[in-house]
Amino acid sequence: MTWRDLIRGDATLNRVVPPSGFTAVLTLASSAAMAFLAVFTMALALAAGNLAARWEAELAGTATVRITAPDDVIGAQTRAVLTALAQTPGIQDAQPMATQTQLELLAPWFGTGLPVEQLRLPVVIEVEETAEGPDRAGLEARLAAEAPGAVYDSHGRWRAPLITAAERLRRLGWGSLVLIAAVTGVTVALAASSALAANAQVVEVLRLVGARDRWISGAFVLRFTLRALIGAGAGALVAMITVAFLPGGVEVGILGDLGFRGAEWLLPVLVPLIAAAIAAGATYGAAYRTLRASS
C-alpha cells in the first residue's frame, strides 16, 4: 500500500477504509479547526515576543524627571535639574516635555479638553541615557539637594512587569500549541478506532484471506494521514488569510504585532505537515492496539 494507491483511490483501500462517513468528516473538521487555532496561537506567541522586544528597545536607555513644587520655586528647580543633567556623565540629552504632549498622554484616561490652568501638571523632563548610563545614586543625591521636588524615574518599576507579562504570554502561546497537537492526536486516534470498529467484519475477512495486520494498519494510516493533511491545510490557509488582513498599528495594542513577517510565514506552512505526522502516529497507535486486541 503506497501513497500513489491512496491518491488514485485504490479499490481495495476503499473497501478497508471507506473514503467518506462520520470518521472522515470528524478527521477533516477537527484537523482544520486545530490548524486554524494553531496558526492563530503561533501568531499570538510571535506577537507577544515582538511586543516584549519592542518595549525593551523603546524603554531601554530612557528616563524621566518629574518635578512637583510650588509655583514660586518650580522654575528655579527645573533649571537646576536641567543643569545637573547636563553636567552628569551618562546623560545624552534632557528636554522638558511640552504641556500638550502631557495632555495627549493623559487623554486615554481623562479624555480631551482638560482644564490645564486648574490641574497644576508637574514638570516632566525626558531623559535619554547613554549606553553606560549615569551614576543614578549620585544623580539622585544631587537632585535631592538642589531640587527637592524632583524624582528621577528610570521606568524600571513598571517596565519589568510589562516585559515579564509579554514573555509569559509568549510562553503560554507556545505551550498551547503542544495542547492543540495533543488534542489533534487524540481526536484522530478516536476517529481511527471508530473506523476500525465499524469495519471489524471487513478486517476479519481480510485476515482470513491472508492480509497482515501491518498492511491493514497501513491502509488506515495512509487514509487518516491524508485526511488530516487536507483538513489542516485548509484550516491553516484560512487562518493565514485572516491574519494577513487583521488591522495593524500601535493603536490596537498587541494586535498591532499580530501576524507573520518575512521568514515567519514558513511557520504556518509547517502546521499541516505536523498535523499529518501527528495523525500518522495516532492512527498507527490506535490501529495497532485495536488489531492486537481483536487477534
Protein backbone atom coordinates (compact mmCIF):
# COMPACT_ATOMS: atom_id res chain seq x y z
CA MET A 1 0.00 0.00 0.00
CA THR A 2 1.54 3.31 -1.09
CA TRP A 3 0.61 6.98 -1.25
CA ARG A 4 0.08 6.57 -5.00
CA ASP A 5 -2.58 3.94 -4.34
CA LEU A 6 -4.26 6.27 -1.87
CA ILE A 7 -4.31 9.26 -4.19
CA ARG A 8 -5.62 7.18 -7.09
CA GLY A 9 -8.38 5.79 -4.88
CA ASP A 10 -7.31 2.17 -4.76
CA ALA A 11 -10.49 0.00 -4.68
CA THR A 12 -9.12 -2.37 -2.04
CA LEU A 13 -8.20 0.54 0.17
CA ASN A 14 -11.69 1.98 -0.19
CA ARG A 15 -13.18 -1.31 0.98
CA VAL A 16 -10.91 -1.39 4.03
CA VAL A 17 -11.26 2.31 4.92
CA PRO A 18 -14.35 3.94 3.39
CA PRO A 19 -13.44 7.32 1.82
CA SER A 20 -16.46 9.02 3.40
CA GLY A 21 -18.52 8.81 6.55
CA PHE A 22 -18.56 10.14 10.09
CA THR A 23 -14.90 9.42 10.82
CA ALA A 24 -13.82 11.17 7.61
CA VAL A 25 -15.82 14.30 8.46
CA LEU A 26 -14.56 14.23 12.06
CA THR A 27 -10.92 13.97 10.99
CA LEU A 28 -11.18 16.68 8.34
CA ALA A 29 -13.13 19.08 10.55
CA SER A 30 -11.04 18.60 13.68
CA SER A 31 -7.77 18.91 11.74
CA ALA A 32 -8.98 22.11 10.08
CA ALA A 33 -10.12 23.61 13.39
CA MET A 34 -6.94 22.67 15.22
CA ALA A 35 -4.76 24.02 12.42
CA PHE A 36 -6.72 27.28 12.42
CA LEU A 37 -6.21 27.63 16.17
CA ALA A 38 -2.55 26.62 15.90
CA VAL A 39 -1.78 29.33 13.34
CA PHE A 40 -3.53 31.98 15.42
CA THR A 41 -1.79 30.80 18.59
CA MET A 42 1.53 30.88 16.77
CA ALA A 43 0.86 34.43 15.58
CA LEU A 44 -0.09 35.46 19.14
CA ALA A 45 3.09 33.95 20.58
CA LEU A 46 5.24 35.73 18.00
CA ALA A 47 3.36 38.98 18.61
CA ALA A 48 3.97 38.73 22.35
CA GLY A 49 7.66 38.14 21.76
CA ASN A 50 7.86 41.09 19.35
CA LEU A 51 5.97 43.28 21.80
CA ALA A 52 8.36 42.45 24.63
CA ALA A 53 11.35 43.15 22.40
CA ARG A 54 9.83 46.44 21.24
CA TRP A 55 9.10 47.60 24.78
CA GLU A 56 12.62 46.67 25.83
CA ALA A 57 14.14 48.57 22.90
CA GLU A 58 11.93 51.65 23.32
CA LEU A 59 12.27 51.96 27.08
CA ALA A 60 15.91 50.96 27.49
CA GLY A 61 18.11 53.99 27.96
CA THR A 62 15.22 56.35 28.72
CA ALA A 63 14.12 58.02 31.93
CA THR A 64 12.08 60.94 33.16
CA VAL A 65 12.46 63.52 35.90
CA ARG A 66 9.19 64.64 37.47
CA ILE A 67 9.23 67.95 39.33
CA THR A 68 6.41 68.79 41.72
CA ALA A 69 6.88 72.05 43.61
CA PRO A 70 5.09 75.32 44.43
CA ASP A 71 4.71 77.77 41.57
CA ASP A 72 7.22 80.23 43.03
CA VAL A 73 10.11 77.72 43.04
CA ILE A 74 9.26 75.24 40.27
CA GLY A 75 11.02 77.35 37.63
CA ALA A 76 14.24 77.50 39.63
CA GLN A 77 14.11 73.76 40.37
CA THR A 78 13.54 72.98 36.69
CA ARG A 79 16.63 74.99 35.74
CA ALA A 80 18.65 73.28 38.48
CA VAL A 81 17.58 69.85 37.27
CA LEU A 82 18.46 70.65 33.64
CA THR A 83 21.87 71.93 34.75
CA ALA A 84 22.52 68.84 36.85
CA LEU A 85 21.52 66.55 33.98
CA ALA A 86 23.73 68.42 31.51
CA GLN A 87 26.72 68.03 33.85
CA THR A 88 26.15 64.36 34.65
CA PRO A 89 28.17 61.79 32.67
CA GLY A 90 25.94 59.15 31.11
CA ILE A 91 23.15 61.59 30.21
CA GLN A 92 22.97 62.14 26.47
CA ASP A 93 20.04 64.54 26.29
CA ALA A 94 17.37 66.10 28.53
CA GLN A 95 14.39 68.14 27.34
CA PRO A 96 11.25 69.33 29.17
CA MET A 97 8.08 67.65 27.94
CA ALA A 98 5.60 70.05 26.37
CA THR A 99 2.27 70.52 28.13
CA GLN A 100 0.41 69.41 25.00
CA THR A 101 2.36 66.14 24.99
CA GLN A 102 1.38 65.51 28.60
CA LEU A 103 -2.26 66.14 27.76
CA GLU A 104 -2.06 63.65 24.88
CA LEU A 105 -0.64 61.04 27.25
CA LEU A 106 -3.45 61.67 29.73
CA ALA A 107 -6.20 61.69 27.08
CA PRO A 108 -6.83 57.87 27.13
CA TRP A 109 -7.71 58.11 30.85
CA PHE A 110 -9.23 61.57 31.23
CA GLY A 111 -10.32 62.47 27.70
CA THR A 112 -9.57 65.70 25.88
CA GLY A 113 -10.26 69.27 26.92
CA LEU A 114 -8.69 69.06 30.38
CA PRO A 115 -8.60 72.42 32.24
CA VAL A 116 -4.82 72.83 32.22
CA GLU A 117 -4.93 76.07 34.19
CA GLN A 118 -6.56 74.25 37.14
CA LEU A 119 -4.64 70.96 37.08
CA ARG A 120 -1.15 72.07 38.09
CA LEU A 121 0.57 69.44 35.98
CA PRO A 122 4.10 68.59 37.13
CA VAL A 123 7.08 69.47 35.01
CA VAL A 124 8.33 66.36 33.23
CA ILE A 125 11.80 66.21 31.72
CA GLU A 126 12.52 63.47 29.19
CA VAL A 127 15.99 62.00 29.64
CA GLU A 128 17.99 59.95 27.16
CA GLU A 129 20.82 57.97 28.70
CA THR A 130 23.96 56.72 27.02
CA ALA A 131 24.78 53.03 26.80
CA GLU A 132 26.79 53.25 30.02
CA GLY A 133 24.12 55.22 31.86
CA PRO A 134 24.61 57.69 34.71
CA ASP A 135 25.55 57.12 38.33
CA ARG A 136 21.93 57.11 39.45
CA ALA A 137 22.68 57.13 43.16
CA GLY A 138 24.90 60.17 42.79
CA LEU A 139 22.46 61.90 40.46
CA GLU A 140 19.53 61.29 42.79
CA ALA A 141 21.53 62.64 45.73
CA ARG A 142 22.36 65.83 43.80
CA LEU A 143 18.75 66.29 42.70
CA ALA A 144 17.56 65.84 46.28
CA ALA A 145 19.89 68.62 47.40
CA GLU A 146 19.30 71.08 44.56
CA ALA A 147 15.68 70.29 43.61
CA PRO A 148 13.80 68.57 46.44
CA GLY A 149 10.67 68.28 44.32
CA ALA A 150 12.41 66.28 41.57
CA VAL A 151 12.10 62.50 41.20
CA TYR A 152 14.33 60.59 38.77
CA ASP A 153 12.44 57.62 37.28
CA SER A 154 14.26 55.08 35.10
CA HIS A 155 10.96 53.26 34.32
CA GLY A 156 12.33 50.06 35.80
CA ARG A 157 9.48 49.73 38.29
CA TRP A 158 6.82 49.31 35.60
CA ARG A 159 8.94 48.29 32.60
CA ALA A 160 9.96 44.93 34.05
CA PRO A 161 6.39 43.74 34.83
CA LEU A 162 5.22 44.64 31.32
CA ILE A 163 8.06 42.75 29.68
CA THR A 164 7.57 39.81 32.04
CA ALA A 165 3.86 39.69 31.19
CA ALA A 166 4.60 39.70 27.46
CA GLU A 167 7.17 36.92 27.88
CA ARG A 168 4.72 34.81 29.86
CA LEU A 169 2.08 35.34 27.19
CA ARG A 170 4.59 34.16 24.58
CA ARG A 171 5.40 31.01 26.57
CA LEU A 172 1.70 30.39 27.11
CA GLY A 173 1.16 30.58 23.35
CA TRP A 174 3.85 28.04 22.55
CA GLY A 175 2.59 25.81 25.36
CA SER A 176 -0.91 25.99 23.90
CA LEU A 177 0.46 24.63 20.63
CA VAL A 178 1.51 21.48 22.46
CA LEU A 179 -2.02 21.16 23.85
CA ILE A 180 -3.51 21.66 20.38
CA ALA A 181 -1.23 18.95 18.99
CA ALA A 182 -2.29 16.57 21.77
CA VAL A 183 -5.99 17.21 21.13
CA THR A 184 -5.45 16.61 17.42
CA GLY A 185 -3.75 13.30 18.10
CA VAL A 186 -6.47 12.13 20.48
CA THR A 187 -9.25 13.12 18.05
CA VAL A 188 -7.64 11.33 15.12
CA ALA A 189 -6.95 8.26 17.26
CA LEU A 190 -10.61 8.12 18.32
CA ALA A 191 -11.75 8.51 14.72
CA ALA A 192 -9.40 5.73 13.59
CA SER A 193 -10.58 3.44 16.39
CA SER A 194 -14.20 4.10 15.42
CA ALA A 195 -13.45 3.33 11.79
CA LEU A 196 -11.73 0.09 12.75
CA ALA A 197 -14.65 -0.92 14.94
CA ALA A 198 -17.15 -0.11 12.19
CA ASN A 199 -15.19 -2.20 9.70
CA ALA A 200 -14.42 -5.10 12.04
CA GLN A 201 -16.07 -7.64 9.72
CA VAL A 202 -14.08 -6.42 6.73
CA VAL A 203 -10.89 -6.64 8.77
CA GLU A 204 -11.70 -10.24 9.77
CA VAL A 205 -12.34 -11.22 6.16
CA LEU A 206 -9.03 -9.65 5.11
CA ARG A 207 -7.26 -11.66 7.79
CA LEU A 208 -8.89 -14.85 6.55
CA VAL A 209 -7.60 -14.25 3.02
CA GLY A 210 -4.07 -13.64 4.28
CA ALA A 211 -3.85 -9.89 4.89
CA ARG A 212 -1.38 -8.99 7.59
CA ASP A 213 -2.18 -6.56 10.38
CA ARG A 214 0.68 -4.38 9.18
CA TRP A 215 -0.99 -3.99 5.78
CA ILE A 216 -4.38 -3.26 7.36
CA SER A 217 -2.97 -0.67 9.77
CA GLY A 218 -1.02 0.88 6.89
CA ALA A 219 -4.25 1.38 4.97
CA PHE A 220 -5.78 3.24 7.90
CA VAL A 221 -2.61 5.29 8.46
CA LEU A 222 -2.50 6.39 4.82
CA ARG A 223 -6.17 7.34 4.74
CA PHE A 224 -6.25 9.26 8.01
CA THR A 225 -2.93 10.96 7.38
CA LEU A 226 -4.17 12.34 4.07
CA ARG A 227 -7.42 13.48 5.69
CA ALA A 228 -5.51 15.29 8.41
CA LEU A 229 -3.18 16.86 5.83
CA ILE A 230 -6.08 18.15 3.73
CA GLY A 231 -8.09 19.40 6.71
CA ALA A 232 -5.10 21.07 8.39
CA GLY A 233 -4.03 22.60 5.09
CA ALA A 234 -7.45 24.18 4.63
CA GLY A 235 -7.58 25.42 8.23
CA ALA A 236 -4.06 26.85 8.10
CA LEU A 237 -4.76 28.60 4.79
CA VAL A 238 -7.90 30.28 6.15
CA ALA A 239 -6.02 31.32 9.29
CA MET A 240 -3.13 32.79 7.28
CA ILE A 241 -5.54 34.81 5.14
CA THR A 242 -7.35 36.03 8.25
CA VAL A 243 -4.12 37.03 9.99
CA ALA A 244 -2.90 38.83 6.87
CA PHE A 245 -5.99 41.05 6.85
CA LEU A 246 -6.04 41.87 10.58
CA PRO A 247 -5.78 45.59 11.41
CA GLY A 248 -2.35 46.84 12.38
CA GLY A 249 -0.90 49.82 14.12
CA VAL A 250 0.12 50.76 17.64
CA GLU A 251 -3.41 51.94 18.43
CA VAL A 252 -4.69 48.35 18.55
CA GLY A 253 -2.14 47.28 21.17
CA ILE A 254 -0.77 43.76 20.91
CA LEU A 255 -2.84 43.20 17.75
CA GLY A 256 -0.54 45.68 16.05
CA ASP A 257 2.15 42.99 16.07
CA LEU A 258 -0.19 40.04 15.40
CA GLY A 259 0.97 38.47 12.17
CA PHE A 260 3.92 36.94 10.38
CA ARG A 261 6.83 38.78 8.84
CA GLY A 262 9.37 37.55 6.33
CA ALA A 263 10.54 34.02 7.04
CA GLU A 264 7.94 33.69 9.81
CA TRP A 265 5.37 32.87 7.11
CA LEU A 266 7.08 29.49 6.77
CA LEU A 267 5.93 28.52 10.27
CA PRO A 268 2.19 28.18 9.49
CA VAL A 269 3.13 26.25 6.34
CA LEU A 270 4.60 23.60 8.64
CA VAL A 271 1.32 23.19 10.54
CA PRO A 272 -0.35 20.80 8.01
CA LEU A 273 2.80 18.70 7.82
CA ILE A 274 3.00 18.45 11.60
CA ALA A 275 -0.72 17.62 11.76
CA ALA A 276 -0.21 14.85 9.20
CA ALA A 277 2.71 13.44 11.21
CA ILE A 278 0.63 13.51 14.40
CA ALA A 279 -2.27 11.82 12.60
CA ALA A 280 0.01 9.13 11.24
CA GLY A 281 1.39 8.34 14.68
CA ALA A 282 -2.00 8.46 16.37
CA THR A 283 -3.64 6.28 13.72
CA TYR A 284 -0.87 3.71 13.81
CA GLY A 285 -1.09 3.51 17.59
CA ALA A 286 -4.87 3.15 17.54
CA ALA A 287 -4.78 0.54 14.76
CA TYR A 288 -2.04 -1.45 16.46
CA ARG A 289 -3.91 -1.58 19.77
CA THR A 290 -7.27 -2.41 18.18
CA LEU A 291 -5.93 -5.11 15.88
CA ARG A 292 -3.85 -6.67 18.62
CA ALA A 293 -6.84 -6.75 20.98
CA SER A 294 -9.00 -8.46 18.34
CA SER A 295 -6.43 -11.04 17.26
